[in-house]
C-alpha atoms as a PDB file:
ATOM      1  CA  UNK A   1     -35.151 147.236 -63.371  1.00  0.00           C
ATOM      2  CA  UNK A   2     -38.253 147.755 -61.265  1.00  0.00           C
ATOM      3  CA  UNK A   3     -38.631 144.077 -60.368  1.00  0.00           C
ATOM      4  CA  UNK A   4     -39.976 141.413 -62.733  1.00  0.00           C
ATOM      5  CA  UNK A   5     -41.248 137.861 -62.447  1.00  0.00           C
ATOM      6  CA  UNK A   6     -40.978 135.828 -65.631  1.00  0.00           C
ATOM      7  CA  UNK A   7     -41.309 132.126 -66.461  1.00  0.00           C
ATOM      8  CA  UNK A   8     -40.362 130.669 -69.856  1.00  0.00           C
ATOM      9  CA  UNK A   9     -41.406 127.155 -70.808  1.00  0.00           C
ATOM     10  CA  UNK A  10     -39.036 124.444 -72.043  1.00  0.00           C
ATOM     11  CA  UNK A  11     -38.869 124.433 -75.851  1.00  0.00           C
ATOM     12  CA  UNK A  12     -40.699 127.760 -76.143  1.00  0.00           C
ATOM     13  CA  UNK A  13     -39.924 130.605 -78.538  1.00  0.00           C
ATOM     14  CA  UNK A  14     -40.282 133.482 -76.091  1.00  0.00           C
ATOM     15  CA  UNK A  15     -39.748 137.126 -77.051  1.00  0.00           C
ATOM     16  CA  UNK A  16     -39.016 140.126 -74.857  1.00  0.00           C
ATOM     17  CA  UNK A  17     -40.436 143.144 -76.675  1.00  0.00           C
ATOM     18  CA  UNK A  18     -40.060 146.797 -75.777  1.00  0.00           C
ATOM     19  CA  UNK A  19     -38.498 150.142 -76.697  1.00  0.00           C
ATOM     20  CA  UNK A  20     -34.850 151.006 -76.080  1.00  0.00           C
ATOM     21  CA  UNK A  21     -34.108 151.305 -72.372  1.00  0.00           C
ATOM     22  CA  UNK A  22     -37.101 149.244 -71.272  1.00  0.00           C
ATOM     23  CA  UNK A  23     -34.997 146.530 -69.601  1.00  0.00           C
ATOM     24  CA  UNK A  24     -35.292 143.634 -72.040  1.00  0.00           C
ATOM     25  CA  UNK A  25     -31.560 143.393 -72.898  1.00  0.00           C
ATOM     26  CA  UNK A  26     -30.614 143.773 -69.222  1.00  0.00           C
ATOM     27  CA  UNK A  27     -32.907 140.848 -68.434  1.00  0.00           C
ATOM     28  CA  UNK A  28     -31.304 138.770 -71.206  1.00  0.00           C
ATOM     29  CA  UNK A  29     -27.805 139.610 -69.930  1.00  0.00           C
ATOM     30  CA  UNK A  30     -28.765 138.482 -66.436  1.00  0.00           C
ATOM     31  CA  UNK A  31     -30.040 135.155 -67.818  1.00  0.00           C
ATOM     32  CA  UNK A  32     -26.748 134.781 -69.713  1.00  0.00           C
ATOM     33  CA  UNK A  33     -24.690 135.639 -66.618  1.00  0.00           C
ATOM     34  CA  UNK A  34     -23.112 138.816 -68.015  1.00  0.00           C
ATOM     35  CA  UNK A  35     -24.831 140.878 -65.312  1.00  0.00           C
ATOM     36  CA  UNK A  36     -25.828 140.034 -61.743  1.00  0.00           C
ATOM     37  CA  UNK A  37     -29.297 140.850 -60.415  1.00  0.00           C
ATOM     38  CA  UNK A  38     -29.388 143.025 -57.293  1.00  0.00           C
ATOM     39  CA  UNK A  39     -32.175 140.836 -55.901  1.00  0.00           C
ATOM     40  CA  UNK A  40     -34.086 137.678 -56.790  1.00  0.00           C
ATOM     41  CA  UNK A  41     -33.024 134.435 -58.450  1.00  0.00           C
ATOM     42  CA  UNK A  42     -32.509 133.022 -61.936  1.00  0.00           C
ATOM     43  CA  UNK A  43     -33.470 129.366 -62.364  1.00  0.00           C
ATOM     44  CA  UNK A  44     -32.541 127.341 -65.441  1.00  0.00           C
ATOM     45  CA  UNK A  45     -34.406 124.014 -65.560  1.00  0.00           C
ATOM     46  CA  UNK A  46     -34.886 124.191 -61.803  1.00  0.00           C
ATOM     47  CA  UNK A  47     -31.254 124.965 -60.985  1.00  0.00           C
ATOM     48  CA  UNK A  48     -30.373 128.249 -59.292  1.00  0.00           C
ATOM     49  CA  UNK A  49     -27.671 129.786 -61.513  1.00  0.00           C
ATOM     50  CA  UNK A  50     -27.877 133.338 -60.174  1.00  0.00           C
ATOM     51  CA  UNK A  51     -24.214 133.365 -59.110  1.00  0.00           C
ATOM     52  CA  UNK A  52     -22.877 131.050 -61.803  1.00  0.00           C
ATOM     53  CA  UNK A  53     -20.528 132.571 -64.403  1.00  0.00           C
ATOM     54  CA  UNK A  54     -21.680 132.461 -68.070  1.00  0.00           C
ATOM     55  CA  UNK A  55     -19.552 129.421 -68.984  1.00  0.00           C
ATOM     56  CA  UNK A  56     -21.246 127.357 -66.260  1.00  0.00           C
ATOM     57  CA  UNK A  57     -24.743 128.030 -67.597  1.00  0.00           C
ATOM     58  CA  UNK A  58     -26.284 125.807 -70.264  1.00  0.00           C
ATOM     59  CA  UNK A  59     -27.016 128.808 -72.523  1.00  0.00           C
ATOM     60  CA  UNK A  60     -25.504 130.452 -75.599  1.00  0.00           C
ATOM     61  CA  UNK A  61     -25.994 133.987 -76.891  1.00  0.00           C
ATOM     62  CA  UNK A  62     -26.325 135.325 -80.451  1.00  0.00           C
ATOM     63  CA  UNK A  63     -25.635 139.046 -80.780  1.00  0.00           C
ATOM     64  CA  UNK A  64     -26.670 141.600 -83.391  1.00  0.00           C
ATOM     65  CA  UNK A  65     -23.075 142.215 -84.520  1.00  0.00           C
ATOM     66  CA  UNK A  66     -22.452 138.435 -85.036  1.00  0.00           C
ATOM     67  CA  UNK A  67     -18.989 138.670 -83.340  1.00  0.00           C
ATOM     68  CA  UNK A  68     -17.351 136.346 -85.896  1.00  0.00           C
ATOM     69  CA  UNK A  69     -13.568 135.998 -86.080  1.00  0.00           C
ATOM     70  CA  UNK A  70     -12.614 137.629 -89.422  1.00  0.00           C
ATOM     71  CA  UNK A  71      -9.363 135.625 -89.779  1.00  0.00           C
ATOM     72  CA  UNK A  72     -11.147 132.253 -89.403  1.00  0.00           C
ATOM     73  CA  UNK A  73     -13.202 130.452 -92.016  1.00  0.00           C
ATOM     74  CA  UNK A  74     -16.812 129.464 -91.424  1.00  0.00           C
ATOM     75  CA  UNK A  75     -16.037 125.972 -90.108  1.00  0.00           C
ATOM     76  CA  UNK A  76     -13.462 127.257 -87.622  1.00  0.00           C
ATOM     77  CA  UNK A  77     -15.809 130.001 -86.426  1.00  0.00           C
ATOM     78  CA  UNK A  78     -18.590 127.496 -85.831  1.00  0.00           C
ATOM     79  CA  UNK A  79     -16.302 124.969 -84.159  1.00  0.00           C
ATOM     80  CA  UNK A  80     -14.339 127.417 -82.001  1.00  0.00           C
ATOM     81  CA  UNK A  81     -16.289 126.687 -78.811  1.00  0.00           C
ATOM     82  CA  UNK A  82     -15.885 122.954 -79.318  1.00  0.00           C
ATOM     83  CA  UNK A  83     -12.135 123.401 -79.784  1.00  0.00           C
ATOM     84  CA  UNK A  84     -11.898 125.378 -76.534  1.00  0.00           C
ATOM     85  CA  UNK A  85     -13.720 122.552 -74.778  1.00  0.00           C
ATOM     86  CA  UNK A  86     -11.247 120.095 -76.295  1.00  0.00           C
ATOM     87  CA  UNK A  87     -13.885 118.109 -78.169  1.00  0.00           C
ATOM     88  CA  UNK A  88     -12.101 115.490 -80.349  1.00  0.00           C
ATOM     89  CA  UNK A  89     -11.445 116.610 -83.927  1.00  0.00           C
ATOM     90  CA  UNK A  90     -13.640 113.997 -85.665  1.00  0.00           C
ATOM     91  CA  UNK A  91     -16.614 114.745 -83.444  1.00  0.00           C
ATOM     92  CA  UNK A  92     -15.967 118.446 -83.874  1.00  0.00           C
ATOM     93  CA  UNK A  93     -16.108 118.133 -87.674  1.00  0.00           C
ATOM     94  CA  UNK A  94     -19.308 116.120 -87.517  1.00  0.00           C
ATOM     95  CA  UNK A  95     -21.044 118.572 -85.215  1.00  0.00           C
ATOM     96  CA  UNK A  96     -19.912 121.556 -87.268  1.00  0.00           C
ATOM     97  CA  UNK A  97     -21.267 119.893 -90.437  1.00  0.00           C
ATOM     98  CA  UNK A  98     -24.575 119.175 -88.658  1.00  0.00           C
ATOM     99  CA  UNK A  99     -24.848 122.775 -87.465  1.00  0.00           C
ATOM    100  CA  UNK A 100     -24.119 124.195 -90.934  1.00  0.00           C
ATOM    101  CA  UNK A 101     -26.662 121.838 -92.471  1.00  0.00           C
ATOM    102  CA  UNK A 102     -29.206 123.029 -89.925  1.00  0.00           C
ATOM    103  CA  UNK A 103     -28.804 126.663 -91.029  1.00  0.00           C
ATOM    104  CA  UNK A 104     -28.536 125.714 -94.736  1.00  0.00           C
ATOM    105  CA  UNK A 105     -24.877 126.650 -95.179  1.00  0.00           C
ATOM    106  CA  UNK A 106     -23.474 123.333 -96.422  1.00  0.00           C
ATOM    107  CA  UNK A 107     -20.442 123.935 -98.628  1.00  0.00           C
ATOM    108  CA  UNK A 108     -19.548 127.260 -97.000  1.00  0.00           C
ATOM    109  CA  UNK A 109     -16.957 125.725 -94.643  1.00  0.00           C
ATOM    110  CA  UNK A 110     -13.896 127.396 -96.186  1.00  0.00           C
ATOM    111  CA  UNK A 111     -15.309 130.871 -96.722  1.00  0.00           C
ATOM    112  CA  UNK A 112     -14.310 133.840 -94.585  1.00  0.00           C
ATOM    113  CA  UNK A 113     -16.939 136.124 -92.972  1.00  0.00           C
ATOM    114  CA  UNK A 114     -15.985 138.903 -95.418  1.00  0.00           C
ATOM    115  CA  UNK A 115     -17.128 136.663 -98.289  1.00  0.00           C
ATOM    116  CA  UNK A 116     -20.627 136.231 -96.848  1.00  0.00           C
ATOM    117  CA  UNK A 117     -23.794 138.313 -97.004  1.00  0.00           C
ATOM    118  CA  UNK A 118     -25.341 139.730 -93.844  1.00  0.00           C
ATOM    119  CA  UNK A 119     -27.898 136.942 -93.702  1.00  0.00           C
ATOM    120  CA  UNK A 120     -25.209 134.281 -94.153  1.00  0.00           C
ATOM    121  CA  UNK A 121     -23.068 135.786 -91.378  1.00  0.00           C
ATOM    122  CA  UNK A 122     -26.113 135.732 -89.125  1.00  0.00           C
ATOM    123  CA  UNK A 123     -26.580 132.033 -89.891  1.00  0.00           C
ATOM    124  CA  UNK A 124     -22.943 131.323 -89.069  1.00  0.00           C
ATOM    125  CA  UNK A 125     -23.393 133.038 -85.701  1.00  0.00           C
ATOM    126  CA  UNK A 126     -26.504 130.940 -85.120  1.00  0.00           C
ATOM    127  CA  UNK A 127     -24.705 127.720 -86.086  1.00  0.00           C
ATOM    128  CA  UNK A 128     -21.842 128.594 -83.719  1.00  0.00           C
ATOM    129  CA  UNK A 129     -24.331 128.934 -80.864  1.00  0.00           C
ATOM    130  CA  UNK A 130     -26.272 125.778 -81.747  1.00  0.00           C
ATOM    131  CA  UNK A 131     -23.191 123.569 -82.171  1.00  0.00           C
ATOM    132  CA  UNK A 132     -22.666 123.645 -78.396  1.00  0.00           C
ATOM    133  CA  UNK A 133     -26.137 122.165 -77.927  1.00  0.00           C
ATOM    134  CA  UNK A 134     -27.336 124.595 -75.254  1.00  0.00           C
ATOM    135  CA  UNK A 135     -30.680 124.050 -73.570  1.00  0.00           C
ATOM    136  CA  UNK A 136     -31.443 127.755 -73.955  1.00  0.00           C
ATOM    137  CA  UNK A 137     -30.458 130.048 -76.831  1.00  0.00           C
ATOM    138  CA  UNK A 138     -30.474 133.785 -76.107  1.00  0.00           C
ATOM    139  CA  UNK A 139     -30.817 136.124 -79.101  1.00  0.00           C
ATOM    140  CA  UNK A 140     -30.214 139.860 -78.644  1.00  0.00           C
ATOM    141  CA  UNK A 141     -31.812 141.678 -81.630  1.00  0.00           C
ATOM    142  CA  UNK A 142     -29.972 139.319 -84.031  1.00  0.00           C
ATOM    143  CA  UNK A 143     -31.744 140.595 -87.155  1.00  0.00           C
ATOM    144  CA  UNK A 144     -31.422 144.304 -86.431  1.00  0.00           C
ATOM    145  CA  UNK A 145     -28.632 144.913 -88.957  1.00  0.00           C
ATOM    146  CA  UNK A 146     -30.423 143.251 -91.880  1.00  0.00           C
ATOM    147  CA  UNK A 147     -32.559 144.970 -94.504  1.00  0.00           C
ATOM    148  CA  UNK A 148     -36.335 144.497 -94.361  1.00  0.00           C
ATOM    149  CA  UNK A 149     -36.680 141.733 -96.975  1.00  0.00           C
ATOM    150  CA  UNK A 150     -33.829 139.666 -95.525  1.00  0.00           C
ATOM    151  CA  UNK A 151     -35.081 140.244 -91.998  1.00  0.00           C
ATOM    152  CA  UNK A 152     -38.500 138.879 -92.946  1.00  0.00           C
ATOM    153  CA  UNK A 153     -36.897 135.820 -94.548  1.00  0.00           C
ATOM    154  CA  UNK A 154     -34.721 135.209 -91.491  1.00  0.00           C
ATOM    155  CA  UNK A 155     -37.738 135.441 -89.180  1.00  0.00           C
ATOM    156  CA  UNK A 156     -39.224 132.423 -90.945  1.00  0.00           C
ATOM    157  CA  UNK A 157     -35.836 130.643 -90.947  1.00  0.00           C
ATOM    158  CA  UNK A 158     -35.296 131.200 -87.218  1.00  0.00           C
ATOM    159  CA  UNK A 159     -38.721 129.896 -86.303  1.00  0.00           C
ATOM    160  CA  UNK A 160     -38.203 126.808 -88.486  1.00  0.00           C
ATOM    161  CA  UNK A 161     -34.777 126.154 -86.930  1.00  0.00           C
ATOM    162  CA  UNK A 162     -36.213 126.520 -83.430  1.00  0.00           C
ATOM    163  CA  UNK A 163     -38.882 123.920 -84.239  1.00  0.00           C
ATOM    164  CA  UNK A 164     -36.216 121.628 -85.680  1.00  0.00           C
ATOM    165  CA  UNK A 165     -33.809 121.745 -82.741  1.00  0.00           C
ATOM    166  CA  UNK A 166     -36.546 121.927 -80.083  1.00  0.00           C
ATOM    167  CA  UNK A 167     -34.614 124.087 -77.637  1.00  0.00           C
ATOM    168  CA  UNK A 168     -35.787 127.197 -75.815  1.00  0.00           C
ATOM    169  CA  UNK A 169     -35.248 130.476 -77.674  1.00  0.00           C
ATOM    170  CA  UNK A 170     -35.392 133.732 -75.690  1.00  0.00           C
ATOM    171  CA  UNK A 171     -35.457 136.560 -78.177  1.00  0.00           C
ATOM    172  CA  UNK A 172     -34.988 140.295 -77.566  1.00  0.00           C
ATOM    173  CA  UNK A 173     -36.449 142.758 -80.069  1.00  0.00           C
ATOM    174  CA  UNK A 174     -37.983 146.218 -80.333  1.00  0.00           C
ATOM    175  CA  UNK A 175     -39.746 145.194 -83.557  1.00  0.00           C
ATOM    176  CA  UNK A 176     -43.385 144.380 -82.838  1.00  0.00           C
ATOM    177  CA  UNK A 177     -43.923 142.551 -86.160  1.00  0.00           C
ATOM    178  CA  UNK A 178     -40.908 140.364 -85.456  1.00  0.00           C
ATOM    179  CA  UNK A 179     -42.241 139.438 -82.008  1.00  0.00           C
ATOM    180  CA  UNK A 180     -45.757 138.741 -83.281  1.00  0.00           C
ATOM    181  CA  UNK A 181     -44.455 136.671 -86.225  1.00  0.00           C
ATOM    182  CA  UNK A 182     -42.124 134.313 -84.381  1.00  0.00           C
ATOM    183  CA  UNK A 183     -43.170 134.022 -80.744  1.00  0.00           C
ATOM    184  CA  UNK A 184     -45.123 131.350 -78.942  1.00  0.00           C
ATOM    185  CA  UNK A 185     -45.474 133.934 -76.166  1.00  0.00           C
ATOM    186  CA  UNK A 186     -44.018 137.363 -75.524  1.00  0.00           C
ATOM    187  CA  UNK A 187     -43.488 139.825 -72.686  1.00  0.00           C
ATOM    188  CA  UNK A 188     -43.929 143.556 -73.303  1.00  0.00           C
ATOM    189  CA  UNK A 189     -41.389 145.623 -71.356  1.00  0.00           C
ATOM    190  CA  UNK A 190     -41.718 149.277 -70.388  1.00  0.00           C
ATOM    191  CA  UNK A 191     -39.412 151.225 -68.052  1.00  0.00           C
ATOM    192  CA  UNK A 192     -38.040 148.161 -66.323  1.00  0.00           C
ATOM    193  CA  UNK A 193     -41.434 146.535 -65.814  1.00  0.00           C
ATOM    194  CA  UNK A 194     -43.399 143.880 -67.667  1.00  0.00           C
ATOM    195  CA  UNK A 195     -46.722 145.311 -68.829  1.00  0.00           C
ATOM    196  CA  UNK A 196     -48.182 142.080 -70.236  1.00  0.00           C
ATOM    197  CA  UNK A 197     -47.259 138.470 -71.008  1.00  0.00           C
ATOM    198  CA  UNK A 198     -49.246 136.352 -73.444  1.00  0.00           C
ATOM    199  CA  UNK A 199     -49.501 134.817 -76.881  1.00  0.00           C
ATOM    200  CA  UNK A 200     -49.191 137.207 -79.851  1.00  0.00           C
ATOM    201  CA  UNK A 201     -52.957 137.041 -80.396  1.00  0.00           C
ATOM    202  CA  UNK A 202     -53.697 137.772 -76.722  1.00  0.00           C
ATOM    203  CA  UNK A 203     -51.325 140.738 -76.567  1.00  0.00           C
ATOM    204  CA  UNK A 204     -52.536 142.215 -79.857  1.00  0.00           C
ATOM    205  CA  UNK A 205     -56.259 141.519 -79.531  1.00  0.00           C
ATOM    206  CA  UNK A 206     -56.546 142.166 -75.767  1.00  0.00           C
ATOM    207  CA  UNK A 207     -53.873 144.677 -74.694  1.00  0.00           C
ATOM    208  CA  UNK A 208     -53.809 145.054 -70.919  1.00  0.00           C
ATOM    209  CA  UNK A 209     -52.579 148.651 -70.747  1.00  0.00           C
ATOM    210  CA  UNK A 210     -52.521 151.860 -72.761  1.00  0.00           C
ATOM    211  CA  UNK A 211     -48.788 151.336 -73.374  1.00  0.00           C
ATOM    212  CA  UNK A 212     -49.271 147.825 -74.834  1.00  0.00           C
ATOM    213  CA  UNK A 213     -52.147 149.013 -77.023  1.00  0.00           C
ATOM    214  CA  UNK A 214     -49.982 151.786 -78.458  1.00  0.00           C
ATOM    215  CA  UNK A 215     -46.699 149.901 -78.751  1.00  0.00           C
ATOM    216  CA  UNK A 216     -47.912 146.593 -80.203  1.00  0.00           C
ATOM    217  CA  UNK A 217     -49.467 147.637 -83.498  1.00  0.00           C
ATOM    218  CA  UNK A 218     -51.484 150.764 -84.150  1.00  0.00           C
ATOM    219  CA  UNK A 219     -54.331 151.408 -81.757  1.00  0.00           C
ATOM    220  CA  UNK A 220     -57.029 153.992 -81.148  1.00  0.00           C
ATOM    221  CA  UNK A 221     -57.753 155.203 -77.630  1.00  0.00           C
ATOM    222  CA  UNK A 222     -61.133 156.489 -76.532  1.00  0.00           C
ATOM    223  CA  UNK A 223     -61.259 158.466 -73.299  1.00  0.00           C
ATOM    224  CA  UNK A 224     -63.111 161.334 -71.626  1.00  0.00           C
ATOM    225  CA  UNK A 225     -66.114 162.792 -73.426  1.00  0.00           C
ATOM    226  CA  UNK A 226     -65.501 160.709 -76.563  1.00  0.00           C
ATOM    227  CA  UNK A 227     -65.616 157.476 -74.529  1.00  0.00           C
ATOM    228  CA  UNK A 228     -68.816 158.513 -72.773  1.00  0.00           C
ATOM    229  CA  UNK A 229     -70.463 159.543 -76.045  1.00  0.00           C
ATOM    230  CA  UNK A 230     -69.465 156.428 -78.023  1.00  0.00           C
ATOM    231  CA  UNK A 231     -69.121 153.607 -75.478  1.00  0.00           C
ATOM    232  CA  UNK A 232     -71.583 154.984 -72.944  1.00  0.00           C
ATOM    233  CA  UNK A 233     -69.267 154.871 -69.936  1.00  0.00           C
ATOM    234  CA  UNK A 234     -66.212 156.590 -68.507  1.00  0.00           C
ATOM    235  CA  UNK A 235     -62.743 155.090 -68.735  1.00  0.00           C
ATOM    236  CA  UNK A 236     -60.138 154.422 -71.403  1.00  0.00           C
ATOM    237  CA  UNK A 237     -60.883 152.043 -74.253  1.00  0.00           C
ATOM    238  CA  UNK A 238     -58.983 150.802 -77.293  1.00  0.00           C
ATOM    239  CA  UNK A 239     -60.106 149.676 -80.742  1.00  0.00           C
ATOM    240  CA  UNK A 240     -57.794 148.565 -83.538  1.00  0.00           C
ATOM    241  CA  UNK A 241     -57.939 150.520 -86.836  1.00  0.00           C
ATOM    242  CA  UNK A 242     -58.617 147.419 -88.966  1.00  0.00           C
ATOM    243  CA  UNK A 243     -61.733 146.609 -86.890  1.00  0.00           C
ATOM    244  CA  UNK A 244     -63.461 149.844 -87.979  1.00  0.00           C
ATOM    245  CA  UNK A 245     -65.263 150.272 -91.286  1.00  0.00           C
ATOM    246  CA  UNK A 246     -66.187 153.440 -93.143  1.00  0.00           C
ATOM    247  CA  UNK A 247     -69.933 153.777 -93.760  1.00  0.00           C
ATOM    248  CA  UNK A 248     -72.292 156.394 -95.201  1.00  0.00           C
ATOM    249  CA  UNK A 249     -73.188 159.152 -92.712  1.00  0.00           C
ATOM    250  CA  UNK A 250     -76.837 158.043 -92.584  1.00  0.00           C
ATOM    251  CA  UNK A 251     -76.207 154.327 -91.905  1.00  0.00           C
ATOM    252  CA  UNK A 252     -77.847 152.911 -88.776  1.00  0.00           C
ATOM    253  CA  UNK A 253     -75.533 150.597 -86.813  1.00  0.00           C
ATOM    254  CA  UNK A 254     -76.666 147.165 -85.691  1.00  0.00           C
ATOM    255  CA  UNK A 255     -77.563 146.321 -82.056  1.00  0.00           C
ATOM    256  CA  UNK A 256     -74.110 144.818 -81.419  1.00  0.00           C
ATOM    257  CA  UNK A 257     -72.224 147.725 -83.032  1.00  0.00           C
ATOM    258  CA  UNK A 258     -70.848 151.083 -81.951  1.00  0.00           C
ATOM    259  CA  UNK A 259     -70.633 154.055 -84.273  1.00  0.00           C
ATOM    260  CA  UNK A 260     -69.622 157.708 -84.448  1.00  0.00           C
ATOM    261  CA  UNK A 261     -69.822 160.367 -87.138  1.00  0.00           C
ATOM    262  CA  UNK A 262     -66.882 162.381 -88.378  1.00  0.00           C
ATOM    263  CA  UNK A 263     -64.990 163.729 -91.339  1.00  0.00           C
ATOM    264  CA  UNK A 264     -61.910 162.263 -93.049  1.00  0.00           C
ATOM    265  CA  UNK A 265     -59.075 164.659 -92.223  1.00  0.00           C
ATOM    266  CA  UNK A 266     -56.179 162.856 -93.893  1.00  0.00           C
ATOM    267  CA  UNK A 267     -55.622 159.872 -96.179  1.00  0.00           C
ATOM    268  CA  UNK A 268     -52.416 157.837 -96.442  1.00  0.00           C
ATOM    269  CA  UNK A 269     -52.298 155.376 -99.357  1.00  0.00           C
ATOM    270  CA  UNK A 270     -49.964 152.503 -98.370  1.00  0.00           C
ATOM    271  CA  UNK A 271     -50.295 150.196-101.369  1.00  0.00           C
ATOM    272  CA  UNK A 272     -51.944 147.115 -99.900  1.00  0.00           C
ATOM    273  CA  UNK A 273     -54.150 149.225 -97.639  1.00  0.00           C
ATOM    274  CA  UNK A 274     -55.148 152.818 -96.917  1.00  0.00           C
ATOM    275  CA  UNK A 275     -55.062 154.635 -93.574  1.00  0.00           C
ATOM    276  CA  UNK A 276     -57.778 157.200 -92.898  1.00  0.00           C
ATOM    277  CA  UNK A 277     -57.522 159.768 -90.072  1.00  0.00           C
ATOM    278  CA  UNK A 278     -61.060 160.746 -89.099  1.00  0.00           C
ATOM    279  CA  UNK A 279     -61.856 163.813 -86.969  1.00  0.00           C
ATOM    280  CA  UNK A 280     -64.861 162.904 -84.809  1.00  0.00           C
ATOM    281  CA  UNK A 281     -67.856 165.171 -84.333  1.00  0.00           C
ATOM    282  CA  UNK A 282     -67.758 164.401 -80.579  1.00  0.00           C
ATOM    283  CA  UNK A 283     -64.098 165.412 -80.412  1.00  0.00           C
ATOM    284  CA  UNK A 284     -60.890 163.477 -80.884  1.00  0.00           C
ATOM    285  CA  UNK A 285     -59.760 161.342 -83.797  1.00  0.00           C
ATOM    286  CA  UNK A 286     -59.801 157.710 -84.877  1.00  0.00           C
ATOM    287  CA  UNK A 287     -57.547 155.963 -87.391  1.00  0.00           C
ATOM    288  CA  UNK A 288     -59.165 153.481 -89.770  1.00  0.00           C
ATOM    289  CA  UNK A 289     -57.245 150.994 -91.915  1.00  0.00           C
ATOM    290  CA  UNK A 290     -58.883 149.328 -94.901  1.00  0.00           C
ATOM    291  CA  UNK A 291     -57.455 146.857 -97.415  1.00  0.00           C
ATOM    292  CA  UNK A 292     -57.406 148.052-100.998  1.00  0.00           C
ATOM    293  CA  UNK A 293     -59.258 145.052-102.372  1.00  0.00           C
ATOM    294  CA  UNK A 294     -60.835 147.096-105.169  1.00  0.00           C
ATOM    295  CA  UNK A 295     -59.698 150.644-104.429  1.00  0.00           C
ATOM    296  CA  UNK A 296     -57.199 152.626-106.484  1.00  0.00           C
ATOM    297  CA  UNK A 297     -54.897 155.260-105.030  1.00  0.00           C
ATOM    298  CA  UNK A 298     -56.898 158.033-106.687  1.00  0.00           C
ATOM    299  CA  UNK A 299     -60.159 156.744-105.203  1.00  0.00           C
ATOM    300  CA  UNK A 300     -58.627 156.487-101.746  1.00  0.00           C
ATOM    301  CA  UNK A 301     -57.081 159.970-101.836  1.00  0.00           C
ATOM    302  CA  UNK A 302     -60.322 161.489-103.131  1.00  0.00           C
ATOM    303  CA  UNK A 303     -62.045 160.535 -99.864  1.00  0.00           C
ATOM    304  CA  UNK A 304     -60.246 163.307 -97.963  1.00  0.00           C
ATOM    305  CA  UNK A 305     -62.732 165.791 -96.488  1.00  0.00           C
ATOM    306  CA  UNK A 306     -65.701 163.433 -96.837  1.00  0.00           C
ATOM    307  CA  UNK A 307     -68.270 163.050 -94.039  1.00  0.00           C
ATOM    308  CA  UNK A 308     -68.495 159.428 -92.843  1.00  0.00           C
ATOM    309  CA  UNK A 309     -69.830 157.218 -90.104  1.00  0.00           C
ATOM    310  CA  UNK A 310     -67.404 154.829 -88.413  1.00  0.00           C
ATOM    311  CA  UNK A 311     -68.889 151.487 -87.387  1.00  0.00           C
ATOM    312  CA  UNK A 312     -67.379 148.542 -85.479  1.00  0.00           C
ATOM    313  CA  UNK A 313     -68.415 145.602 -83.325  1.00  0.00           C
ATOM    314  CA  UNK A 314     -68.891 146.432 -79.639  1.00  0.00           C
ATOM    315  CA  UNK A 315     -66.766 143.396 -78.729  1.00  0.00           C
ATOM    316  CA  UNK A 316     -63.735 145.054 -80.342  1.00  0.00           C
ATOM    317  CA  UNK A 317     -63.848 147.959 -77.880  1.00  0.00           C
ATOM    318  CA  UNK A 318     -61.702 146.907 -74.939  1.00  0.00           C
ATOM    319  CA  UNK A 319     -61.048 148.690 -71.622  1.00  0.00           C
ATOM    320  CA  UNK A 320     -57.335 149.257 -70.879  1.00  0.00           C
ATOM    321  CA  UNK A 321     -55.476 150.270 -67.730  1.00  0.00           C
ATOM    322  CA  UNK A 322     -53.413 153.434 -67.657  1.00  0.00           C
END
C-alpha cells in the first residue's frame, strides 16, 4: 500500500472498487484485523483498534467462498458464532430465526449447504455474519462466484438488507456496475492508492483521473492534437460515449456544443444499444453508444463506413489528471 486516508460514515454502504492487486482487499483485511498496517491507525467508531485481534473488533466478514460448514445444517451454521460465545439456547434460536427471516430463508433451517443454490448459500453466509449484530459488516467480493442474473438479483437484496439492518457495509469489488448500483459512496483503488472517493454519480460523471475515467464505465479520452482541435486547449479530457450523438456530416453544432467529423470504423450491436467506433478526421477515435429505441440490428450494422459528425454538450467534456 502506498498510504491511504479513508473515512466511512456510520450506516453507509461504502464500496472499495479497483482491479486485482490494487489494495482494496488488503485494506479490508486490515479493518478486519487479519493484517496489521505498517503505519497509521484504524479507528472504529472512534476507538483505536489497530492492534486489536479480529475477535475484539465489532466487525464481521463475508467471503466469496461462503466458508460454510458442510456437516452442519443452515441453523447451526448461522448460530455457530453465538454458540462459541455461549449465548443461551433460546436466545440463540430466536436470533437465528430473525437472521434467516432477514435474508428470506425461513424454513431452510434443517437443510445442508449442499442442498442450497449458490445464492442461498450466500444468504446463509450473510445471515451468519448479521446474527452477531456487528456495527460494521465487511464483504470481500461476496457475489463473485454467482452467475450474472443471480448476481444482479443479490445486489438488490444486499442493498435492501443493508437499509433494513442500518449497519455499515464495507464492500470490496472489481465490478464497476456492482459498485455503482449499491454504494452510497465508493473509493477507486489503483496500485495501492485511492484515486477518487465520491458518490457513484460523482465518480462516473466527474472522474478525477484518467484511470478512474477508464476503469469506471467506458470513457473517451481526448489529448494532444485532437484535444486542441476539438476542445480548443491542450490537456487531457474525457467524454462518455452515451453523451455523444451521431449527426449528419453537414450539421452545424449549437453554441454550447462541441463537434468533430469522422467515419464509422466499426459497429457492435449489443441488443439494447449499439456501440460505434468512429475514426476522427483530426486523428484518434471516439466511441459512441446509442440506445436502439427504433433501430434494428441490420440498420445499425449498415452504418459501418459512413461519414458522420459527432456532437455533444461542452459541459460533458471534463479535464482529467494523468
